[in-house]
N, C-alpha and C. Protein backbone atom coordinates (compact mmCIF):
# COMPACT_ATOMS: atom_id res chain seq x y z
N MET A 1 38.02 21.46 58.71
CA MET A 1 38.11 20.76 57.71
C MET A 1 37.30 19.47 58.28
N GLY A 2 36.42 19.03 56.96
CA GLY A 2 35.49 17.53 57.03
C GLY A 2 35.66 16.81 56.95
N ALA A 3 35.23 15.70 57.56
CA ALA A 3 35.58 13.98 57.48
C ALA A 3 36.01 13.65 56.07
N VAL A 4 36.74 12.83 56.01
CA VAL A 4 37.09 12.04 54.99
C VAL A 4 36.65 11.34 54.24
N ARG A 5 35.64 11.14 52.80
CA ARG A 5 34.80 10.53 52.59
C ARG A 5 35.67 9.00 51.83
N THR A 6 35.37 7.81 52.04
CA THR A 6 35.96 6.94 50.60
C THR A 6 34.71 6.84 49.58
N VAL A 7 35.31 7.00 48.54
CA VAL A 7 33.90 6.31 47.67
C VAL A 7 34.84 5.01 46.80
N SER A 8 33.48 4.40 46.71
CA SER A 8 33.91 3.07 46.28
C SER A 8 33.13 2.80 44.76
N VAL A 9 34.33 2.68 43.59
CA VAL A 9 33.64 2.44 42.29
C VAL A 9 34.16 1.44 41.60
N SER A 10 33.00 0.33 41.09
CA SER A 10 33.24 -1.11 40.52
C SER A 10 34.45 -0.74 39.31
N HIS A 11 35.27 -1.73 39.18
CA HIS A 11 35.71 -1.75 37.91
C HIS A 11 34.83 -1.70 36.82
N ASP A 12 33.75 -2.59 36.84
CA ASP A 12 32.49 -1.99 35.75
C ASP A 12 32.28 -0.89 34.99
N SER A 13 32.21 -0.27 35.93
CA SER A 13 31.53 1.10 36.06
C SER A 13 32.50 2.21 35.66
N VAL A 14 33.81 2.22 36.09
CA VAL A 14 35.08 2.53 35.28
C VAL A 14 35.18 2.66 33.90
N LYS A 15 35.21 0.77 33.46
CA LYS A 15 35.19 0.92 32.31
C LYS A 15 34.27 1.08 31.15
N GLU A 16 33.24 1.26 31.58
CA GLU A 16 32.01 1.45 31.16
C GLU A 16 31.98 3.00 30.77
N SER A 17 32.46 3.80 31.94
CA SER A 17 32.55 5.36 31.50
C SER A 17 34.03 5.46 30.35
N ARG A 18 34.80 4.95 30.82
CA ARG A 18 36.23 4.87 29.50
C ARG A 18 35.38 4.70 28.30
N LEU A 19 34.27 3.45 27.80
CA LEU A 19 33.82 2.92 26.73
C LEU A 19 33.34 4.40 25.69
N LEU A 20 32.19 4.82 27.21
CA LEU A 20 31.17 6.17 26.67
C LEU A 20 32.11 7.24 26.13
N SER A 21 33.23 7.57 26.91
CA SER A 21 34.24 8.68 26.59
C SER A 21 34.85 8.54 25.09
N LYS A 22 34.87 7.38 24.68
CA LYS A 22 35.56 7.14 23.15
C LYS A 22 34.49 6.50 22.23
N ARG A 23 33.20 6.97 22.56
CA ARG A 23 32.13 6.70 21.41
C ARG A 23 31.97 8.44 20.83
N ARG A 24 31.35 7.54 19.34
CA ARG A 24 31.82 9.26 18.61
C ARG A 24 30.14 8.88 17.99
N GLY A 25 29.56 10.29 17.97
CA GLY A 25 28.16 9.93 17.57
C GLY A 25 27.08 9.47 18.24
N VAL A 26 25.86 9.83 17.66
CA VAL A 26 25.03 9.26 18.98
C VAL A 26 24.87 7.82 18.69
N ARG A 27 24.11 7.31 19.80
CA ARG A 27 23.29 6.01 19.54
C ARG A 27 21.92 5.88 19.72
N VAL A 28 21.02 5.05 18.83
CA VAL A 28 19.88 4.88 19.12
C VAL A 28 19.38 3.20 19.17
N ASN A 29 18.21 3.30 19.63
CA ASN A 29 17.78 1.73 19.82
C ASN A 29 17.18 1.41 18.49
N SER A 30 17.05 0.64 17.63
CA SER A 30 16.53 0.53 16.13
C SER A 30 16.83 -0.57 15.67
N ARG A 31 15.92 -1.30 15.10
CA ARG A 31 15.95 -2.67 14.77
C ARG A 31 15.53 -2.29 13.43
N VAL A 32 16.88 -2.58 12.87
CA VAL A 32 17.26 -2.72 11.56
C VAL A 32 18.08 -3.90 10.79
N PRO A 33 17.09 -4.17 9.33
CA PRO A 33 16.73 -5.96 9.25
C PRO A 33 18.22 -5.49 8.16
N VAL A 34 19.23 -6.63 8.73
CA VAL A 34 20.78 -6.38 8.19
C VAL A 34 21.31 -7.94 7.36
N THR A 35 22.32 -7.90 6.37
CA THR A 35 22.35 -8.95 6.59
C THR A 35 24.22 -8.77 6.91
N VAL A 36 24.63 -9.89 7.69
CA VAL A 36 26.31 -9.82 7.68
C VAL A 36 26.80 -11.02 7.01
N ALA A 37 27.86 -10.15 5.85
CA ALA A 37 28.82 -11.54 5.38
C ALA A 37 30.27 -11.41 5.75
N TRP A 38 30.57 -12.44 5.11
CA TRP A 38 31.75 -12.82 5.50
C TRP A 38 32.17 -14.20 5.03
N ASP A 39 33.72 -13.70 4.81
CA ASP A 39 34.56 -15.12 3.98
C ASP A 39 34.73 -15.83 5.34
N ALA A 40 34.90 -16.87 5.22
CA ALA A 40 35.49 -18.31 6.03
C ALA A 40 35.78 -19.46 5.19
N ALA A 41 37.56 -19.63 5.13
CA ALA A 41 38.32 -20.81 4.45
C ALA A 41 37.89 -20.38 2.84
N GLY A 42 37.46 -19.47 2.37
CA GLY A 42 37.71 -18.96 0.98
C GLY A 42 36.01 -19.65 0.05
N HIS A 43 35.31 -19.77 1.01
CA HIS A 43 33.78 -19.71 1.16
C HIS A 43 33.51 -18.49 1.72
N SER A 44 32.43 -17.92 0.72
CA SER A 44 31.23 -16.38 1.48
C SER A 44 30.40 -16.90 2.15
N ARG A 45 29.69 -16.44 3.00
CA ARG A 45 28.92 -17.13 4.79
C ARG A 45 27.82 -15.26 4.53
N GLU A 46 27.09 -15.80 4.56
CA GLU A 46 26.38 -14.86 5.24
C GLU A 46 25.04 -14.89 6.20
N VAL A 47 24.72 -14.41 6.98
CA VAL A 47 23.33 -14.26 8.11
C VAL A 47 22.41 -13.06 7.60
N GLN A 48 21.17 -13.59 7.97
CA GLN A 48 20.26 -12.18 7.74
C GLN A 48 20.05 -11.97 9.18
N VAL A 49 20.16 -11.04 9.89
CA VAL A 49 19.78 -10.76 11.39
C VAL A 49 19.00 -9.01 11.72
N HIS A 50 19.15 -9.03 12.92
CA HIS A 50 18.02 -7.07 12.76
C HIS A 50 19.26 -6.62 13.79
N THR A 51 19.55 -5.42 13.61
CA THR A 51 20.06 -4.50 14.35
C THR A 51 19.27 -4.16 16.05
N ARG A 52 20.34 -4.27 17.48
CA ARG A 52 19.58 -3.39 18.22
C ARG A 52 20.06 -2.20 18.53
N VAL A 53 20.87 -1.87 18.21
CA VAL A 53 21.00 -0.24 18.49
C VAL A 53 22.33 0.59 17.23
N VAL A 54 21.98 1.24 16.54
CA VAL A 54 22.58 1.79 16.07
C VAL A 54 23.40 3.40 15.79
N GLY A 55 24.41 3.68 15.32
CA GLY A 55 25.30 4.50 14.98
C GLY A 55 25.83 5.05 13.82
N PRO A 56 26.05 6.76 13.65
CA PRO A 56 26.63 6.59 12.75
C PRO A 56 27.90 5.98 12.28
N TYR A 57 28.85 5.64 13.03
CA TYR A 57 29.92 4.31 13.12
C TYR A 57 29.63 2.83 13.16
N GLY A 58 28.73 2.38 13.49
CA GLY A 58 28.27 1.48 13.48
C GLY A 58 26.99 0.55 14.43
N CYS A 59 27.30 -0.46 14.76
CA CYS A 59 25.94 -1.07 15.17
C CYS A 59 26.24 -1.77 16.22
N LEU A 60 25.05 -2.97 17.28
CA LEU A 60 24.91 -3.54 18.02
C LEU A 60 24.36 -4.39 17.29
N ALA A 61 24.75 -6.00 17.08
CA ALA A 61 23.84 -6.96 16.79
C ALA A 61 24.16 -8.05 17.19
N VAL A 62 23.06 -9.11 17.42
CA VAL A 62 23.30 -10.62 17.67
C VAL A 62 23.35 -11.15 16.61
N ILE A 63 24.40 -12.12 16.92
CA ILE A 63 24.72 -12.95 15.55
C ILE A 63 25.03 -14.30 15.66
N PRO A 64 24.23 -15.42 14.83
CA PRO A 64 24.67 -16.85 15.36
C PRO A 64 25.86 -17.21 14.74
N GLN A 65 26.38 -16.66 15.25
CA GLN A 65 28.37 -17.32 14.76
C GLN A 65 29.23 -16.75 15.56
N ASP A 66 29.95 -17.81 15.84
CA ASP A 66 31.25 -17.14 16.67
C ASP A 66 32.37 -16.43 16.19
N PHE A 67 32.01 -15.51 16.16
CA PHE A 67 33.53 -14.25 15.42
C PHE A 67 34.63 -13.87 16.20
N PRO A 68 35.70 -13.76 16.10
CA PRO A 68 36.91 -13.44 16.70
C PRO A 68 36.44 -11.96 15.98
N LEU A 69 37.52 -11.01 17.46
CA LEU A 69 37.57 -9.59 17.43
C LEU A 69 38.48 -9.50 15.53
N GLU A 70 38.19 -8.41 15.57
CA GLU A 70 38.71 -7.76 14.15
C GLU A 70 38.43 -8.66 12.76
N MET A 71 37.47 -9.17 13.35
CA MET A 71 37.11 -10.23 11.96
C MET A 71 36.49 -8.72 10.82
N PRO A 72 36.86 -8.91 9.42
CA PRO A 72 36.42 -7.86 8.19
C PRO A 72 34.78 -9.08 8.28
N VAL A 73 34.23 -8.34 8.00
CA VAL A 73 32.76 -8.43 7.25
C VAL A 73 31.88 -7.35 6.84
N GLU A 74 31.28 -7.87 5.66
CA GLU A 74 29.91 -6.92 5.33
C GLU A 74 28.72 -6.72 5.73
N ILE A 75 28.47 -5.27 5.69
CA ILE A 75 27.39 -5.24 6.43
C ILE A 75 26.33 -4.32 5.06
N VAL A 76 25.06 -5.24 5.12
CA VAL A 76 24.05 -4.62 4.26
C VAL A 76 22.76 -4.25 4.93
N ASN A 77 22.25 -2.84 4.40
CA ASN A 77 21.07 -2.41 5.05
C ASN A 77 20.31 -2.97 4.08
N ARG A 78 19.52 -3.83 4.61
CA ARG A 78 18.42 -4.20 3.89
C ARG A 78 17.43 -3.53 3.69
N ALA A 79 16.83 -2.71 4.44
CA ALA A 79 16.22 -1.63 4.41
C ALA A 79 16.33 -0.55 3.11
N ASN A 80 17.50 -0.55 2.90
CA ASN A 80 17.61 0.63 1.79
C ASN A 80 18.69 0.10 0.88
N ASP A 81 19.60 -1.56 1.03
CA ASP A 81 20.06 -1.90 -0.05
C ASP A 81 21.60 -1.14 0.03
N ARG A 82 22.14 -0.67 0.87
CA ARG A 82 22.98 0.11 1.18
C ARG A 82 24.18 -0.97 1.84
N ALA A 83 25.52 -1.09 1.37
CA ALA A 83 26.53 -2.27 1.84
C ALA A 83 27.45 -1.37 2.28
N ASN A 84 28.08 -1.83 3.30
CA ASN A 84 29.46 -1.14 3.57
C ASN A 84 30.45 -2.00 4.77
N SER A 85 31.62 -2.11 4.50
CA SER A 85 32.59 -3.10 4.90
C SER A 85 32.66 -2.49 6.49
N ALA A 86 33.31 -3.47 6.80
CA ALA A 86 32.74 -2.88 8.60
C ALA A 86 33.69 -4.68 9.14
N VAL A 87 33.93 -4.41 10.55
CA VAL A 87 35.14 -4.87 11.16
C VAL A 87 34.11 -5.19 13.12
N ILE A 88 34.23 -6.53 13.44
CA ILE A 88 34.11 -6.66 14.41
C ILE A 88 35.03 -6.44 15.90
N VAL A 89 34.50 -5.30 16.41
CA VAL A 89 35.22 -4.27 17.48
C VAL A 89 35.02 -4.78 19.06
N TRP A 90 33.71 -5.56 19.26
CA TRP A 90 33.58 -5.72 20.45
C TRP A 90 32.25 -7.32 20.20
N LYS A 91 32.65 -7.99 21.71
CA LYS A 91 32.19 -9.33 21.65
C LYS A 91 31.73 -9.52 22.90
N GLY A 92 29.90 -9.58 23.09
CA GLY A 92 29.45 -9.42 24.32
C GLY A 92 29.03 -10.24 25.01
N ASN A 93 27.61 -10.75 25.23
CA ASN A 93 27.21 -11.87 25.67
C ASN A 93 26.84 -12.73 24.99
N GLU A 94 26.66 -14.44 25.32
CA GLU A 94 25.94 -15.03 24.39
C GLU A 94 24.77 -15.15 24.73
N ARG A 95 23.68 -14.96 23.97
CA ARG A 95 22.45 -15.11 23.92
C ARG A 95 21.71 -16.44 23.42
N VAL A 96 20.44 -16.81 23.82
CA VAL A 96 19.85 -17.87 23.09
C VAL A 96 19.84 -17.54 21.46
N GLU A 97 19.71 -16.31 20.99
CA GLU A 97 20.04 -16.58 18.99
C GLU A 97 21.57 -16.07 18.75
N GLY A 98 22.42 -16.23 19.70
CA GLY A 98 23.78 -15.67 19.16
C GLY A 98 24.34 -14.59 19.98
N TRP A 99 25.74 -14.25 19.53
CA TRP A 99 26.56 -13.63 20.28
C TRP A 99 25.69 -12.48 20.14
N GLU A 100 26.51 -10.82 21.24
CA GLU A 100 26.19 -9.55 20.92
C GLU A 100 27.67 -9.35 20.20
N TYR A 101 27.54 -8.73 19.25
CA TYR A 101 28.73 -8.07 18.34
C TYR A 101 28.67 -6.47 17.90
N GLY A 102 29.50 -5.62 18.67
CA GLY A 102 29.73 -4.51 18.23
C GLY A 102 30.62 -4.71 17.25
N ILE A 103 29.75 -4.06 15.97
CA ILE A 103 30.39 -3.67 14.41
C ILE A 103 30.83 -2.40 14.16
N GLU A 104 32.00 -2.34 13.72
CA GLU A 104 32.23 -0.70 13.41
C GLU A 104 32.19 -0.79 11.69
N LEU A 105 31.33 0.28 11.28
CA LEU A 105 31.63 0.59 9.56
C LEU A 105 32.77 1.35 9.38
N ILE A 106 33.37 0.77 8.22
CA ILE A 106 34.86 1.25 8.12
C ILE A 106 34.48 2.08 6.75
N GLU A 107 34.40 3.87 6.84
CA GLU A 107 34.20 5.05 6.60
C GLU A 107 32.79 4.93 5.60
N PRO A 108 31.89 4.64 7.23
CA PRO A 108 30.75 4.51 6.35
C PRO A 108 30.15 6.29 5.67
N GLU A 109 29.24 6.02 5.26
CA GLU A 109 28.10 7.21 4.53
C GLU A 109 27.36 7.80 6.22
N MET A 110 27.33 8.99 6.15
CA MET A 110 26.76 8.95 7.60
C MET A 110 25.29 8.52 7.16
N ASP A 111 24.38 8.61 6.26
CA ASP A 111 23.38 8.47 6.11
C ASP A 111 22.94 7.19 5.65
N PHE A 112 24.23 5.84 5.99
CA PHE A 112 23.98 4.76 6.00
C PHE A 112 22.46 3.95 6.57
N TRP A 113 22.45 4.19 7.42
CA TRP A 113 20.96 3.70 8.34
C TRP A 113 20.00 3.84 7.56
N GLY A 114 19.77 5.19 6.80
CA GLY A 114 18.49 5.78 6.91
C GLY A 114 18.03 6.27 7.61
N LEU A 115 18.61 6.43 8.76
CA LEU A 115 18.15 7.56 10.05
C LEU A 115 18.68 9.08 10.23
N GLU A 116 18.30 9.34 11.14
CA GLU A 116 19.09 11.49 11.25
C GLU A 116 19.20 10.59 12.94
N LEU A 117 20.77 10.86 12.96
CA LEU A 117 21.85 10.49 13.98
C LEU A 117 21.95 11.57 14.41
């Protein structure tokens, strides 16, 4: 029998591995122009941004607004004028242009992005 080796695994890599195993569908880097709309204290608000990553069930976008997790929003794909209800499911790092957000589309059409995914 050989020597026993100890392998060190960082907490971040374990967390990332779990996240990857939960993902549905292919993700691609794609800059799609979108409008993110939400209700704030009874007033409609919106901001125009671009996605960084898209997939059949959502996207990653940097938005200059501080949203809580599970915040309902609407995403409008300005490239094809399609709209879909969505929810903020992940908040990443704050960047100069805003916060990174993972946005999950609710019951999306599979061609919402107009891309073959």
